[in-house]
Amino acid sequence: MNAFYNKTVKRFEAVVCYLNKTMHSFLLNNLSEQFDFLEIQLTKLDQSALIKRFNPNKWSIHENLAHLGRYQQVFRKRISSILKENNPQLARYVSEKDPGFNHWVNLPPREVLKRIKADRDLMINDFSKMNPDALQRRAIHPRLGSLTALNWLEFFLLHENHHIYTIFKLIHENRLVL
């Protein structure tokens, strides 16, 4: 019975390892490509369209980009904490409470894009080098609970996709491109 149990556990561990490698590759691919859509769309827009608030209660395209840029910086620091600390508690990020967000909003839109791309390259490099143990290190999200570094990357990409979709809607609902 003990041999059967040990063999089953080893198979299960092998499947989990395979799935983690597959997920890691999938997320790295998204990390390296999902921002390309924005670059293509945004090169067609002039600065006034980027900074205009079409709804006074909602962020402009530029403010969404500034949020993505700043959150990417914050996220990289969070991953560093996950790798250095044991199960850190990470507070919810709120742009309006972050003085660093205002710095990003005050940058020209093209500079925001340039910095996001440069920081993204560093992030891709960091995640590419992580071994399976590093990817399984955990941190506590106030709402989602205990997440692995790989889960945090997935969360980051989903959050970013939400803002990419918001920008897509702003571009097309306001007929900014043909």
Protein backbone atom coordinates (compact mmCIF):
# COMPACT_ATOMS: atom_id res chain seq x y z
CA MET A 1 0.00 0.00 0.00
CA ASN A 2 2.81 2.40 0.89
CA ALA A 3 4.57 1.81 -2.47
CA PHE A 4 1.32 2.49 -4.35
CA TYR A 5 0.79 5.72 -2.39
CA ASN A 6 4.36 6.90 -3.04
CA LYS A 7 4.06 6.11 -6.75
CA THR A 8 0.74 8.02 -6.95
CA VAL A 9 2.23 11.04 -5.15
CA LYS A 10 5.21 11.08 -7.53
CA ARG A 11 2.88 10.97 -10.56
CA PHE A 12 0.79 13.77 -9.11
CA GLU A 13 3.92 15.87 -8.45
CA ALA A 14 5.09 15.27 -12.03
CA VAL A 15 1.72 16.41 -13.42
CA VAL A 16 1.75 19.53 -11.22
CA CYS A 17 5.31 20.31 -12.32
CA TYR A 18 4.32 19.93 -16.00
CA LEU A 19 1.25 22.13 -15.54
CA ASN A 20 3.30 24.81 -13.78
CA LYS A 21 5.87 24.81 -16.60
CA THR A 22 3.08 25.06 -19.18
CA MET A 23 1.38 27.89 -17.28
CA HIS A 24 4.72 29.66 -16.84
CA SER A 25 5.36 29.53 -20.61
CA PHE A 26 1.81 30.68 -21.38
CA LEU A 27 2.01 33.62 -18.97
CA LEU A 28 5.47 34.64 -20.17
CA ASN A 29 4.15 34.67 -23.73
CA ASN A 30 1.24 36.89 -22.69
CA LEU A 31 3.57 39.13 -20.73
CA SER A 32 5.75 39.64 -23.77
CA GLU A 33 2.94 40.13 -26.31
CA GLN A 34 -0.27 41.49 -24.83
CA PHE A 35 0.99 45.06 -24.63
CA ASP A 36 1.82 45.09 -28.36
CA PHE A 37 -1.85 45.69 -29.20
CA LEU A 38 -1.80 48.96 -27.31
CA GLU A 39 1.31 50.21 -29.00
CA ILE A 40 -0.18 49.61 -32.43
CA GLN A 41 -3.46 51.33 -31.51
CA LEU A 42 -1.87 54.25 -29.69
CA THR A 43 0.53 55.20 -32.46
CA LYS A 44 -2.53 56.17 -34.50
CA LEU A 45 -3.69 58.73 -31.90
CA ASP A 46 -2.55 62.26 -31.28
CA GLN A 47 -1.71 63.52 -27.80
CA SER A 48 -5.00 65.38 -27.34
CA ALA A 49 -6.98 62.15 -27.84
CA LEU A 50 -4.76 60.33 -25.35
CA ILE A 51 -5.20 62.86 -22.55
CA LYS A 52 -8.86 63.73 -23.08
CA ARG A 53 -11.35 62.48 -20.51
CA PHE A 54 -14.38 61.48 -22.55
CA ASN A 55 -16.28 60.94 -19.32
CA PRO A 56 -15.25 63.36 -16.54
CA ASN A 57 -15.66 60.59 -13.93
CA LYS A 58 -13.45 58.07 -15.77
CA TRP A 59 -9.76 57.97 -16.57
CA SER A 60 -8.43 59.06 -19.95
CA ILE A 61 -6.41 56.69 -22.13
CA HIS A 62 -3.27 58.33 -20.75
CA GLU A 63 -4.36 57.89 -17.13
CA ASN A 64 -5.07 54.20 -17.79
CA LEU A 65 -1.58 53.87 -19.28
CA ALA A 66 -0.02 55.72 -16.35
CA HIS A 67 -1.81 53.33 -14.00
CA LEU A 68 -0.46 50.33 -15.92
CA GLY A 69 3.06 51.75 -15.84
CA ARG A 70 3.01 52.52 -12.15
CA TYR A 71 1.33 49.26 -11.21
CA GLN A 72 3.94 47.36 -13.20
CA GLN A 73 6.63 49.01 -11.03
CA VAL A 74 4.70 48.17 -7.86
CA PHE A 75 4.18 44.61 -9.08
CA ARG A 76 7.91 44.09 -9.66
CA LYS A 77 8.55 45.18 -6.07
CA ARG A 78 5.87 42.79 -4.87
CA ILE A 79 7.48 39.89 -6.70
CA SER A 80 10.79 40.85 -5.11
CA SER A 81 9.10 40.70 -1.68
CA ILE A 82 7.58 37.32 -2.49
CA LEU A 83 11.02 35.96 -3.39
CA LYS A 84 12.76 37.42 -0.30
CA GLU A 85 10.13 37.13 2.44
CA ASN A 86 8.12 34.24 3.77
CA ASN A 87 4.43 34.63 2.85
CA PRO A 88 4.28 38.46 2.92
CA GLN A 89 0.93 40.21 3.29
CA LEU A 90 0.53 42.54 0.30
CA ALA A 91 -1.96 45.38 0.63
CA ARG A 92 -4.41 46.22 -2.12
CA TYR A 93 -2.93 48.74 -4.57
CA VAL A 94 -4.92 51.97 -4.92
CA SER A 95 -3.60 54.45 -7.50
CA GLU A 96 -5.27 57.44 -5.92
CA LYS A 97 -3.37 56.83 -2.67
CA ASP A 98 0.00 56.36 -4.41
CA PRO A 99 2.14 59.49 -4.94
CA GLY A 100 4.09 57.56 -7.59
CA PHE A 101 0.96 57.38 -9.72
CA ASN A 102 0.85 61.19 -10.05
CA HIS A 103 4.43 61.14 -11.33
CA TRP A 104 3.38 58.75 -14.09
CA VAL A 105 0.29 60.82 -14.96
CA ASN A 106 2.51 63.88 -15.39
CA LEU A 107 4.76 62.15 -17.93
CA PRO A 108 4.00 62.62 -21.64
CA PRO A 109 2.03 59.65 -23.07
CA ARG A 110 4.85 58.51 -25.36
CA GLU A 111 7.26 58.51 -22.39
CA VAL A 112 4.82 56.38 -20.39
CA LEU A 113 4.75 53.82 -23.21
CA LYS A 114 8.53 53.86 -23.49
CA ARG A 115 8.98 53.26 -19.74
CA ILE A 116 6.36 50.52 -19.65
CA LYS A 117 8.17 48.66 -22.45
CA ALA A 118 11.57 49.02 -20.77
CA ASP A 119 10.19 47.84 -17.43
CA ARG A 120 8.32 45.03 -19.17
CA ASP A 121 11.56 43.72 -20.64
CA LEU A 122 13.04 43.57 -17.12
CA MET A 123 9.94 41.80 -15.83
CA ILE A 124 10.07 39.22 -18.63
CA ASN A 125 13.73 38.63 -17.84
CA ASP A 126 12.99 38.23 -14.11
CA PHE A 127 10.18 35.72 -14.67
CA SER A 128 12.14 33.82 -17.33
CA LYS A 129 14.90 33.13 -14.82
CA MET A 130 12.64 31.95 -11.99
CA ASN A 131 12.97 28.30 -11.07
CA PRO A 132 9.94 26.18 -10.11
CA ASP A 133 10.51 26.76 -6.39
CA ALA A 134 10.54 30.54 -6.85
CA LEU A 135 7.33 30.37 -8.90
CA GLN A 136 5.65 28.50 -6.03
CA ARG A 137 6.59 31.04 -3.34
CA ARG A 138 3.50 32.66 -1.87
CA ALA A 139 2.13 35.99 -0.71
CA ILE A 140 -1.23 36.89 0.79
CA HIS A 141 -3.64 39.07 -1.19
CA PRO A 142 -6.24 40.77 1.06
CA ARG A 143 -9.14 39.51 -1.02
CA LEU A 144 -7.85 36.49 -2.94
CA GLY A 145 -5.83 34.89 -0.15
CA SER A 146 -2.62 32.95 -0.61
CA LEU A 147 -1.27 33.14 -4.17
CA THR A 148 1.91 31.73 -5.71
CA ALA A 149 4.25 34.01 -7.67
CA LEU A 150 2.82 32.37 -10.79
CA ASN A 151 -0.73 33.22 -9.60
CA TRP A 152 0.40 36.81 -8.98
CA LEU A 153 1.66 37.03 -12.57
CA GLU A 154 -1.67 35.70 -13.81
CA PHE A 155 -3.47 38.28 -11.65
CA PHE A 156 -1.21 41.04 -13.03
CA LEU A 157 -1.98 40.06 -16.63
CA LEU A 158 -5.74 39.87 -16.00
CA HIS A 159 -5.66 43.28 -14.35
CA GLU A 160 -3.69 44.68 -17.27
CA ASN A 161 -6.14 43.12 -19.74
CA HIS A 162 -8.98 44.93 -18.00
CA HIS A 163 -7.25 48.27 -18.67
CA ILE A 164 -6.33 47.30 -22.24
CA TYR A 165 -10.01 46.54 -22.82
CA THR A 166 -10.96 49.90 -21.27
CA ILE A 167 -8.53 51.66 -23.61
CA PHE A 168 -9.88 49.67 -26.57
CA LYS A 169 -13.41 50.83 -25.69
CA LEU A 170 -12.28 54.45 -25.31
CA ILE A 171 -10.62 54.34 -28.73
CA HIS A 172 -13.55 52.75 -30.53
CA GLU A 173 -16.54 54.25 -28.69
CA ASN A 174 -15.14 57.70 -29.37
CA ARG A 175 -14.30 56.87 -32.99
CA LEU A 176 -10.63 57.77 -32.54
CA VAL A 177 -9.52 55.37 -35.30
CA LEU A 178 -11.16 54.13 -38.47
